[in-house]
Amino acid sequence: MKKLISTALMLCLCCFAFANDLTQNFVTGTPKIKSMTQLSFAPEGILLIGDTKSSALFAIATNDKTPNIGKKKLEVHNIEAKLAALLGTKKEEIMIHDMVVNPISQNVYLAVSRGQRRGITPWKLPHDLADATILIRVKNGKDLEEVSLKNVKYSQVAIPNPTPLKTKYWRGDARVDVITDIAYANGTVYVAGLSNEEFISTFRKVPFPFNSNKITASTLEVYHGAHGKYETKAPIRAFMPYEIKGKSHILAAYTCTPLVTIPTEKLQNGKHVKGRTVAELGMRNN
């Protein structure tokens, strides 16, 4: 009887562990990522990649799950030159599009483009100028290595209703802002950007592991103090999930530069949401 109970308990624990494995529905192969626009991390060392060009989210099992308990300060001097040496080009041709730290290993991941740099104006961001197609890992605060995305475990989901390719708006092509920032919190991947809705500024919630049938999208409106009016076209440029008195909120920043809070309970599918402007950092900030 003891052996039977022990076996049943082990099976139960194995089933529980399997049920909580976020990669159980991943496939093995080479994800067709066209542009690494935004990076973030989910639990278990899973790297999230927002691909504006494909209007898709990818989740990559990095297997980078060895905890780093050290407290060394990260200093990588002249990183563009080191990236250029690694990739066989000049440092002037290197552009870093996004950076994220694996919370488990403390290794830094960079989305990088090579050989496409064309200069930066005040209103042009890296993904306006080139598509990042190279993933770099900075290990132990010093060692740079290219991360292969061939034959990896991954999953993906399409971001619905993106702005069509070559859709013009004030900064150029609106398609490059389909995904402007992503973040994971409490089983959800939050995605800021643009859509093809009447009010194009959109905030999406994607359950993780990915489920395309449960993606929600809310259009946004905020008061832009520097412009003196309400706006629905400008996307959130950067955001972070956080809590106020136990309730989930989004703290978001826009270009030139209102800071806005949005209760996540208001972000329901098909709803138009007004954010609360709590600060204004002024014109010509980005």
Protein backbone atom coordinates (compact mmCIF):
# COMPACT_ATOMS: atom_id res chain seq x y z
CA MET A 1 0.00 0.00 0.00
CA LYS A 2 2.84 2.41 0.91
CA LYS A 3 4.51 1.68 -2.43
CA LEU A 4 1.24 2.29 -4.27
CA ILE A 5 0.67 5.62 -2.48
CA SER A 6 4.28 6.65 -3.11
CA THR A 7 3.99 5.84 -6.81
CA ALA A 8 0.68 7.72 -7.09
CA LEU A 9 2.19 10.72 -5.33
CA MET A 10 5.18 10.75 -7.67
CA LEU A 11 2.90 10.54 -10.70
CA CYS A 12 0.81 13.39 -9.32
CA LEU A 13 3.89 15.55 -8.77
CA CYS A 14 5.19 14.72 -12.26
CA CYS A 15 1.83 15.68 -13.77
CA PHE A 16 1.84 18.93 -11.77
CA ALA A 17 5.35 19.77 -12.97
CA PHE A 18 4.43 18.96 -16.55
CA ALA A 19 1.26 21.04 -16.33
CA ASN A 20 3.31 24.03 -15.20
CA ASP A 21 6.01 23.66 -17.86
CA LEU A 22 5.55 26.75 -20.00
CA THR A 23 7.34 25.10 -22.94
CA GLN A 24 5.21 21.95 -23.14
CA ASN A 25 3.44 23.15 -26.30
CA PHE A 26 6.55 24.53 -27.97
CA VAL A 27 7.82 23.08 -31.24
CA THR A 28 11.43 22.49 -32.29
CA GLY A 29 12.62 24.28 -35.39
CA THR A 30 13.82 27.63 -36.72
CA PRO A 31 11.40 30.52 -36.08
CA LYS A 32 10.91 32.82 -39.07
CA ILE A 33 11.69 36.08 -37.31
CA LYS A 34 11.96 39.05 -39.67
CA SER A 35 12.69 41.81 -37.17
CA MET A 36 13.61 41.67 -33.49
CA THR A 37 11.82 44.88 -32.59
CA GLN A 38 11.37 44.33 -28.86
CA LEU A 39 12.77 41.86 -26.31
CA SER A 40 11.49 40.78 -22.91
CA PHE A 41 11.62 37.74 -20.64
CA ALA A 42 8.93 35.38 -19.39
CA PRO A 43 9.61 32.85 -16.59
CA GLU A 44 11.87 29.79 -17.07
CA GLY A 45 14.42 31.76 -19.11
CA ILE A 46 11.99 32.13 -22.02
CA LEU A 47 12.92 35.03 -24.30
CA LEU A 48 10.03 36.95 -25.83
CA ILE A 49 10.63 38.62 -29.19
CA GLY A 50 8.20 41.11 -30.70
CA ASP A 51 8.47 41.07 -34.50
CA THR A 52 6.88 44.17 -36.01
CA LYS A 53 7.53 43.18 -39.61
CA SER A 54 5.72 39.84 -39.16
CA SER A 55 3.24 41.28 -36.64
CA ALA A 56 3.99 38.34 -34.36
CA LEU A 57 5.26 37.39 -30.93
CA PHE A 58 7.82 34.62 -30.53
CA ALA A 59 8.78 32.79 -27.33
CA ILE A 60 12.22 31.13 -27.37
CA ALA A 61 13.41 28.57 -24.82
CA THR A 62 16.97 29.80 -24.24
CA ASN A 63 17.86 27.08 -21.68
CA ASP A 64 19.74 29.89 -19.95
CA LYS A 65 18.52 28.97 -16.47
CA THR A 66 21.61 28.75 -14.26
CA PRO A 67 21.14 31.29 -11.47
CA ASN A 68 23.76 33.99 -11.09
CA ILE A 69 24.12 34.76 -7.41
CA GLY A 70 27.04 37.13 -7.86
CA LYS A 71 26.63 40.88 -7.61
CA LYS A 72 29.25 42.01 -10.11
CA LYS A 73 28.71 45.35 -11.77
CA LEU A 74 28.17 45.08 -15.52
CA GLU A 75 30.65 47.11 -17.54
CA VAL A 76 31.28 46.41 -21.22
CA HIS A 77 33.37 49.20 -22.68
CA ASN A 78 33.18 50.09 -26.39
CA ILE A 79 30.52 47.45 -26.99
CA GLU A 80 29.80 48.50 -30.59
CA ALA A 81 33.45 47.86 -31.52
CA LYS A 82 33.31 44.45 -29.82
CA LEU A 83 30.08 43.60 -31.63
CA ALA A 84 31.66 44.70 -34.91
CA ALA A 85 34.66 42.42 -34.32
CA LEU A 86 32.35 39.52 -33.52
CA LEU A 87 30.19 40.09 -36.60
CA GLY A 88 32.94 41.04 -39.04
CA THR A 89 32.04 44.65 -39.76
CA LYS A 90 32.80 48.24 -38.67
CA LYS A 91 31.43 49.64 -35.42
CA GLU A 92 29.74 52.43 -37.39
CA GLU A 93 27.59 49.75 -39.01
CA ILE A 94 26.40 48.28 -35.69
CA MET A 95 23.04 49.27 -34.23
CA ILE A 96 21.60 47.95 -30.97
CA HIS A 97 17.79 47.93 -31.18
CA ASP A 98 16.83 46.57 -27.77
CA MET A 99 18.37 45.09 -24.64
CA VAL A 100 16.97 42.84 -21.92
CA VAL A 101 18.42 41.02 -18.90
CA ASN A 102 17.59 37.39 -18.16
CA PRO A 103 16.36 37.61 -14.54
CA ILE A 104 17.68 34.12 -13.77
CA SER A 105 21.19 34.11 -15.23
CA GLN A 106 21.66 37.90 -15.35
CA ASN A 107 23.00 37.49 -18.91
CA VAL A 108 22.20 40.40 -21.22
CA TYR A 109 20.51 39.86 -24.60
CA LEU A 110 20.83 42.37 -27.44
CA ALA A 111 18.86 42.70 -30.69
CA VAL A 112 21.39 43.93 -33.26
CA SER A 113 21.50 44.92 -36.93
CA ARG A 114 24.62 45.01 -39.09
CA GLY A 115 25.50 46.97 -42.20
CA GLN A 116 22.27 48.95 -42.47
CA ARG A 117 22.87 52.02 -40.32
CA ARG A 118 21.76 55.21 -42.06
CA GLY A 119 21.96 57.85 -39.33
CA ILE A 120 19.48 58.97 -36.70
CA THR A 121 17.22 62.03 -36.59
CA PRO A 122 15.42 63.12 -33.39
CA TRP A 123 12.25 61.26 -34.41
CA LYS A 124 13.75 58.12 -35.91
CA LEU A 125 14.24 55.06 -33.74
CA PRO A 126 16.47 52.06 -34.60
CA HIS A 127 13.63 49.99 -36.07
CA ASP A 128 12.72 52.94 -38.33
CA LEU A 129 16.14 52.56 -39.92
CA ALA A 130 16.88 48.83 -39.99
CA ASP A 131 15.59 45.43 -38.92
CA ALA A 132 17.44 43.67 -36.11
CA THR A 133 18.09 40.08 -37.19
CA ILE A 134 20.97 39.11 -34.89
CA LEU A 135 20.60 38.01 -31.27
CA ILE A 136 23.64 38.53 -29.04
CA ARG A 137 24.18 37.30 -25.50
CA VAL A 138 26.59 38.99 -23.08
CA LYS A 139 27.64 36.25 -20.63
CA ASN A 140 29.18 36.87 -17.24
CA GLY A 141 29.15 40.59 -17.92
CA LYS A 142 31.90 40.37 -20.55
CA ASP A 143 31.76 37.53 -23.10
CA LEU A 144 29.81 38.28 -26.29
CA GLU A 145 28.34 35.45 -28.35
CA GLU A 146 25.81 35.19 -31.15
CA VAL A 147 22.76 33.14 -30.16
CA SER A 148 21.69 30.68 -32.84
CA LEU A 149 17.95 30.40 -33.44
CA LYS A 150 18.26 27.21 -35.47
CA ASN A 151 16.57 24.10 -34.08
CA VAL A 152 15.33 25.75 -30.90
CA LYS A 153 12.16 25.15 -28.91
CA TYR A 154 9.75 27.98 -29.58
CA SER A 155 6.16 29.07 -29.97
CA GLN A 156 4.60 32.00 -31.79
CA VAL A 157 1.34 33.87 -32.12
CA ALA A 158 0.14 36.46 -34.64
CA ILE A 159 -0.74 39.96 -33.47
CA PRO A 160 -4.15 40.63 -35.06
CA ASN A 161 -5.21 43.69 -37.06
CA PRO A 162 -1.79 45.30 -37.58
CA THR A 163 -1.35 48.46 -39.56
CA PRO A 164 -0.64 47.34 -43.15
CA LEU A 165 2.90 47.51 -44.49
CA LYS A 166 3.92 50.97 -45.74
CA THR A 167 1.06 52.75 -43.98
CA LYS A 168 2.11 56.39 -43.70
CA TYR A 169 1.80 58.47 -40.55
CA TRP A 170 3.70 61.39 -39.04
CA ARG A 171 6.95 59.53 -38.28
CA GLY A 172 7.00 57.60 -41.57
CA ASP A 173 5.77 54.00 -41.85
CA ALA A 174 3.19 53.15 -39.18
CA ARG A 175 3.96 49.44 -39.56
CA VAL A 176 7.23 49.82 -37.64
CA ASP A 177 5.14 50.74 -34.57
CA VAL A 178 2.80 47.74 -34.57
CA ILE A 179 4.87 46.59 -31.57
CA THR A 180 6.56 49.35 -29.58
CA ASP A 181 7.10 47.54 -26.27
CA ILE A 182 6.30 44.20 -24.61
CA ALA A 183 6.33 42.93 -21.03
CA TYR A 184 5.32 39.78 -19.17
CA ALA A 185 3.36 39.84 -15.90
CA ASN A 186 1.14 37.29 -14.15
CA GLY A 187 0.61 34.94 -17.08
CA THR A 188 0.06 37.68 -19.66
CA VAL A 189 2.27 39.27 -22.30
CA TYR A 190 1.31 42.92 -22.66
CA VAL A 191 1.91 44.49 -26.07
CA ALA A 192 1.82 48.21 -26.91
CA GLY A 193 1.68 49.54 -30.46
CA LEU A 194 -0.56 50.42 -33.39
CA SER A 195 -3.43 48.65 -35.15
CA ASN A 196 -5.65 49.24 -38.17
CA GLU A 197 -8.55 50.42 -35.98
CA GLU A 198 -10.06 53.90 -36.25
CA PHE A 199 -8.15 54.87 -33.09
CA ILE A 200 -4.86 53.23 -33.98
CA SER A 201 -3.06 53.46 -30.61
CA THR A 202 -3.67 49.98 -29.19
CA PHE A 203 -2.81 47.91 -26.15
CA ARG A 204 -3.06 44.12 -26.39
CA LYS A 205 -3.05 41.34 -23.82
CA VAL A 206 -1.80 37.91 -24.94
CA PRO A 207 -2.13 34.94 -22.55
CA PHE A 208 1.07 32.98 -22.00
CA PRO A 209 1.57 30.22 -23.05
CA PHE A 210 0.17 31.77 -26.21
CA ASN A 211 -3.50 31.37 -27.06
CA SER A 212 -4.59 33.27 -30.17
CA ASN A 213 -8.27 32.82 -29.28
CA LYS A 214 -7.91 34.86 -26.10
CA ILE A 215 -5.95 37.89 -27.33
CA THR A 216 -7.64 41.15 -26.34
CA ALA A 217 -7.12 44.60 -27.84
CA SER A 218 -8.11 47.99 -26.41
CA THR A 219 -7.73 51.30 -28.20
CA LEU A 220 -6.20 54.14 -26.18
CA GLU A 221 -6.70 57.85 -25.74
CA VAL A 222 -4.50 60.08 -23.58
CA TYR A 223 -4.19 63.77 -22.84
CA HIS A 224 -0.91 65.05 -24.25
CA GLY A 225 0.04 68.04 -22.13
CA ALA A 226 2.77 69.34 -24.45
CA HIS A 227 0.34 69.29 -27.38
CA GLY A 228 -2.63 70.50 -25.33
CA LYS A 229 -5.09 67.91 -26.64
CA TYR A 230 -6.32 64.33 -26.44
CA GLU A 231 -4.63 61.93 -28.87
CA THR A 232 -5.41 58.45 -30.24
CA LYS A 233 -2.70 58.00 -32.87
CA ALA A 234 0.52 58.06 -30.83
CA PRO A 235 1.49 54.61 -29.51
CA ILE A 236 2.87 53.93 -26.05
CA ARG A 237 6.64 54.05 -26.45
CA ALA A 238 7.60 52.22 -23.23
CA PHE A 239 5.68 50.82 -20.27
CA MET A 240 5.86 48.66 -17.16
CA PRO A 241 3.19 46.72 -15.25
CA TYR A 242 2.96 47.63 -11.56
CA GLU A 243 0.50 47.66 -8.67
CA ILE A 244 -1.23 50.44 -6.74
CA LYS A 245 -2.89 49.30 -3.51
CA GLY A 246 -2.99 45.72 -4.76
CA LYS A 247 -4.52 46.57 -8.14
CA SER A 248 -2.70 46.03 -11.43
CA HIS A 249 -1.85 49.09 -13.55
CA ILE A 250 0.26 50.00 -16.55
CA LEU A 251 2.66 52.95 -16.28
CA ALA A 252 3.26 54.13 -19.83
CA ALA A 253 5.43 56.76 -21.52
CA TYR A 254 4.71 58.39 -24.87
CA THR A 255 6.96 60.34 -27.22
CA CYS A 256 7.50 63.97 -26.08
CA THR A 257 6.52 62.88 -23.27
CA PRO A 258 3.44 62.31 -21.08
CA LEU A 259 3.50 59.62 -18.41
CA VAL A 260 0.16 57.82 -18.12
CA THR A 261 -1.40 55.25 -15.79
CA ILE A 262 -4.00 52.74 -16.99
CA PRO A 263 -5.78 50.22 -14.73
CA THR A 264 -5.41 46.84 -16.42
CA GLU A 265 -8.99 45.90 -15.49
CA LYS A 266 -10.14 48.51 -18.02
CA LEU A 267 -8.13 46.89 -20.82
CA GLN A 268 -10.94 44.71 -22.14
CA ASN A 269 -11.38 43.48 -25.68
CA GLY A 270 -12.90 46.06 -28.00
CA LYS A 271 -13.01 48.79 -25.36
CA HIS A 272 -11.76 52.35 -25.84
CA VAL A 273 -9.76 53.40 -22.77
CA LYS A 274 -8.66 56.83 -21.57
CA GLY A 275 -5.37 56.83 -19.69
CA ARG A 276 -4.72 59.19 -16.79
CA THR A 277 -1.85 61.59 -17.48
CA VAL A 278 0.17 61.94 -14.26
CA ALA A 279 3.29 63.75 -15.49
CA GLU A 280 4.63 65.60 -18.52
CA LEU A 281 8.34 65.57 -19.36
CA GLY A 282 8.00 68.10 -22.18
CA MET A 283 8.49 68.48 -25.90
CA ARG A 284 11.33 66.94 -27.94
CA ASN A 285 11.94 64.05 -25.56
CA ASN A 286 11.84 60.53 -26.96
